[in-house]
Every structure is written in structure tokens, then in C-alpha cells.
């Protein structure tokens, strides 16, 4: 058993093969995960039950293993910012959120540099977060 908070073997394996600039998508339960998957991305289903776990719960654990230099979200058509974006900012206080339209976000998330896609049971709308792994200084 590992002594750190992140212990999921498939997620650890994907992160071990990733590096600076690799991307990780944490998506909500509405995201079309199986049909919009990057060619190099591992797909991990964590959606245990409706609402379990949330994207922010997964993010909180991932942040114990990686640094994040960029974060992107899907811009809602309504123009109103979803509350979940504030939760992302709280967990990523030094990282600005880049917004993409729905189809631009899908394109970014399915790019060849996406190494991991984690599906959650989050029921909040627009709770999709695309992270770019940063550098760990020596």
C-alpha cells in the first residue's frame, strides 16, 4: 500500500508515463468519454454512483501527485459561469482557467498530448476540467 493519497493503479501508471505538457481530463458524468477520447489517452472510469466521486474530489487527490500549469474548462452557452468553476479556482489558486466552447473543448481534450481521461459521477453541469501538467523543479 502506498503512503500517499493517490493509490489508483491505472491513474498512477498513466501519470508515471506523462511529463511536462501532458494533459489530463477529469470529466463529469455527462461527458461523452468513450467517443471523444484522445489516441494516447488512458480511460479510467471512477463513476461509482450518481454524484460519486466529483471532479473536485478527484482534482484534490491528483494535486498531491502532480503540478498544474494550465487548466481549461468548457464555456456554457448561457453566458453564466457555473458554480463549479469557483471550486476549481479554490483548488487551483495560482492557475487561470482558460475557456473553450463545447466543441473546441472536445477537440482540446482529444488531442494527442492528453494522456489520461478520468470519468467521474459528478452531476454538476460543465464540471469538466482539462489540466496541463507542469514542471517539478529540482
Protein backbone atom coordinates (compact mmCIF):
# COMPACT_ATOMS: atom_id res chain seq x y z
CA UNK A 1 0.00 0.00 0.00
CA UNK A 2 1.28 3.43 -0.91
CA UNK A 3 1.59 6.12 1.72
CA UNK A 4 0.35 8.92 -0.48
CA UNK A 5 -3.28 9.84 -1.14
CA UNK A 6 -3.31 8.76 -4.79
CA UNK A 7 -3.34 4.96 -4.94
CA UNK A 8 -5.37 4.09 -8.08
CA UNK A 9 -3.01 1.85 -10.12
CA UNK A 10 -4.23 2.86 -13.60
CA UNK A 11 -4.05 6.56 -12.81
CA UNK A 12 -0.59 6.16 -11.29
CA UNK A 13 0.60 4.26 -14.38
CA UNK A 14 -0.69 6.96 -16.74
CA UNK A 15 0.92 9.72 -14.66
CA UNK A 16 4.22 7.83 -14.50
CA UNK A 17 4.36 7.86 -18.29
CA UNK A 18 3.34 11.50 -18.58
CA UNK A 19 5.51 14.59 -18.37
CA UNK A 20 5.58 18.34 -18.65
CA UNK A 21 2.86 19.45 -21.07
CA UNK A 22 0.88 16.23 -20.93
CA UNK A 23 -2.83 16.75 -20.33
CA UNK A 24 -5.33 15.09 -18.02
CA UNK A 25 -9.09 15.36 -18.44
CA UNK A 26 -11.32 14.94 -15.40
CA UNK A 27 -14.87 14.81 -16.70
CA UNK A 28 -18.37 14.79 -15.32
CA UNK A 29 -20.96 12.08 -15.82
CA UNK A 30 -22.40 13.78 -18.92
CA UNK A 31 -19.15 13.88 -20.90
CA UNK A 32 -19.05 11.60 -23.99
CA UNK A 33 -15.97 9.79 -22.69
CA UNK A 34 -15.92 6.74 -24.92
CA UNK A 35 -16.50 8.63 -28.17
CA UNK A 36 -14.23 11.63 -27.56
CA UNK A 37 -11.00 10.02 -26.40
CA UNK A 38 -7.52 11.08 -27.40
CA UNK A 39 -5.47 8.49 -29.28
CA UNK A 40 -2.87 8.37 -26.48
CA UNK A 41 -5.21 8.69 -23.51
CA UNK A 42 -5.87 6.00 -20.95
CA UNK A 43 -9.54 5.91 -19.94
CA UNK A 44 -10.34 5.36 -16.27
CA UNK A 45 -13.93 5.06 -15.07
CA UNK A 46 -14.37 6.18 -11.45
CA UNK A 47 -18.11 6.88 -11.76
CA UNK A 48 -19.26 4.72 -8.88
CA UNK A 49 -22.72 6.27 -8.41
CA UNK A 50 -24.54 9.46 -9.38
CA UNK A 51 -22.54 12.28 -7.83
CA UNK A 52 -19.71 9.99 -6.68
CA UNK A 53 -16.93 10.98 -6.92
CA UNK A 54 -16.98 14.59 -8.03
CA UNK A 55 -14.46 16.20 -10.34
CA UNK A 56 -13.23 18.37 -7.47
CA UNK A 57 -12.68 15.33 -5.24
CA UNK A 58 -10.56 13.73 -7.96
CA UNK A 59 -8.70 17.01 -8.56
CA UNK A 60 -7.91 17.34 -4.85
CA UNK A 61 -6.24 13.91 -4.87
CA UNK A 62 -4.43 14.44 -8.19
CA UNK A 63 -2.86 17.62 -6.87
CA UNK A 64 -0.96 15.52 -4.32
CA UNK A 65 0.87 13.84 -7.23
CA UNK A 66 1.29 16.47 -9.98
CA UNK A 67 1.80 20.17 -10.52
CA UNK A 68 -0.58 22.01 -12.83
CA UNK A 69 0.47 24.85 -15.11
CA UNK A 70 -2.75 25.29 -17.08
CA UNK A 71 -6.43 24.46 -16.63
CA UNK A 72 -9.22 24.65 -19.19
CA UNK A 73 -13.00 24.45 -18.90
CA UNK A 74 -15.99 24.28 -21.23
CA UNK A 75 -17.72 27.65 -21.57
CA UNK A 76 -21.50 27.31 -21.18
CA UNK A 77 -23.70 28.67 -23.95
CA UNK A 78 -25.79 30.55 -21.37
CA UNK A 79 -23.03 33.05 -20.58
CA UNK A 80 -23.44 32.38 -16.85
CA UNK A 81 -20.43 30.89 -15.12
CA UNK A 82 -21.16 27.60 -13.38
CA UNK A 83 -20.51 27.47 -9.61
CA UNK A 84 -18.10 24.56 -10.14
CA UNK A 85 -15.60 26.99 -11.74
CA UNK A 86 -15.24 28.68 -8.34
CA UNK A 87 -14.44 25.28 -6.83
CA UNK A 88 -11.75 24.78 -9.48
CA UNK A 89 -10.25 28.20 -8.70
CA UNK A 90 -10.23 27.41 -4.99
CA UNK A 91 -8.20 24.24 -5.61
CA UNK A 92 -6.01 25.88 -8.28
CA UNK A 93 -5.47 29.39 -6.84
CA UNK A 94 -2.41 30.19 -8.98
CA UNK A 95 -3.79 28.86 -12.27
CA UNK A 96 -6.12 30.87 -14.53
CA UNK A 97 -8.99 28.99 -16.17
CA UNK A 98 -8.96 29.07 -19.96
CA UNK A 99 -12.40 28.67 -21.52
CA UNK A 100 -13.30 26.92 -24.74
CA UNK A 101 -16.62 26.48 -26.49
CA UNK A 102 -18.08 22.98 -26.21
CA UNK A 103 -16.63 21.64 -29.47
CA UNK A 104 -13.31 23.43 -29.02
CA UNK A 105 -13.06 21.82 -25.59
CA UNK A 106 -13.77 18.39 -27.07
CA UNK A 107 -11.01 18.97 -29.63
CA UNK A 108 -8.51 20.07 -26.97
CA UNK A 109 -9.40 17.14 -24.71
CA UNK A 110 -8.97 14.61 -27.53
CA UNK A 111 -5.59 15.96 -28.65
CA UNK A 112 -2.60 13.59 -28.84
CA UNK A 113 -0.99 15.14 -25.75
CA UNK A 114 -3.86 14.02 -23.50
CA UNK A 115 -2.51 11.05 -21.57
CA UNK A 116 -5.38 10.36 -19.19
CA UNK A 117 -9.15 10.76 -19.10
CA UNK A 118 -10.89 10.17 -15.77
CA UNK A 119 -14.68 9.79 -15.77
CA UNK A 120 -16.46 10.75 -12.56
CA UNK A 121 -20.06 10.53 -11.43
CA UNK A 122 -20.24 14.31 -11.00
CA UNK A 123 -23.72 15.57 -11.89
CA UNK A 124 -22.86 19.27 -11.95
CA UNK A 125 -23.15 20.74 -15.43
CA UNK A 126 -19.87 21.86 -17.04
CA UNK A 127 -17.80 20.04 -14.41
CA UNK A 128 -15.12 19.10 -16.96
CA UNK A 129 -11.54 20.13 -16.32
CA UNK A 130 -8.57 19.74 -18.65
CA UNK A 131 -5.26 20.03 -16.82
CA UNK A 132 -1.78 20.56 -18.25
CA UNK A 133 0.96 19.01 -16.14
CA UNK A 134 3.64 21.44 -15.03
CA UNK A 135 7.30 21.06 -14.16
CA UNK A 136 8.66 19.86 -10.84
CA UNK A 137 11.74 21.95 -10.11
CA UNK A 138 14.88 20.12 -8.93
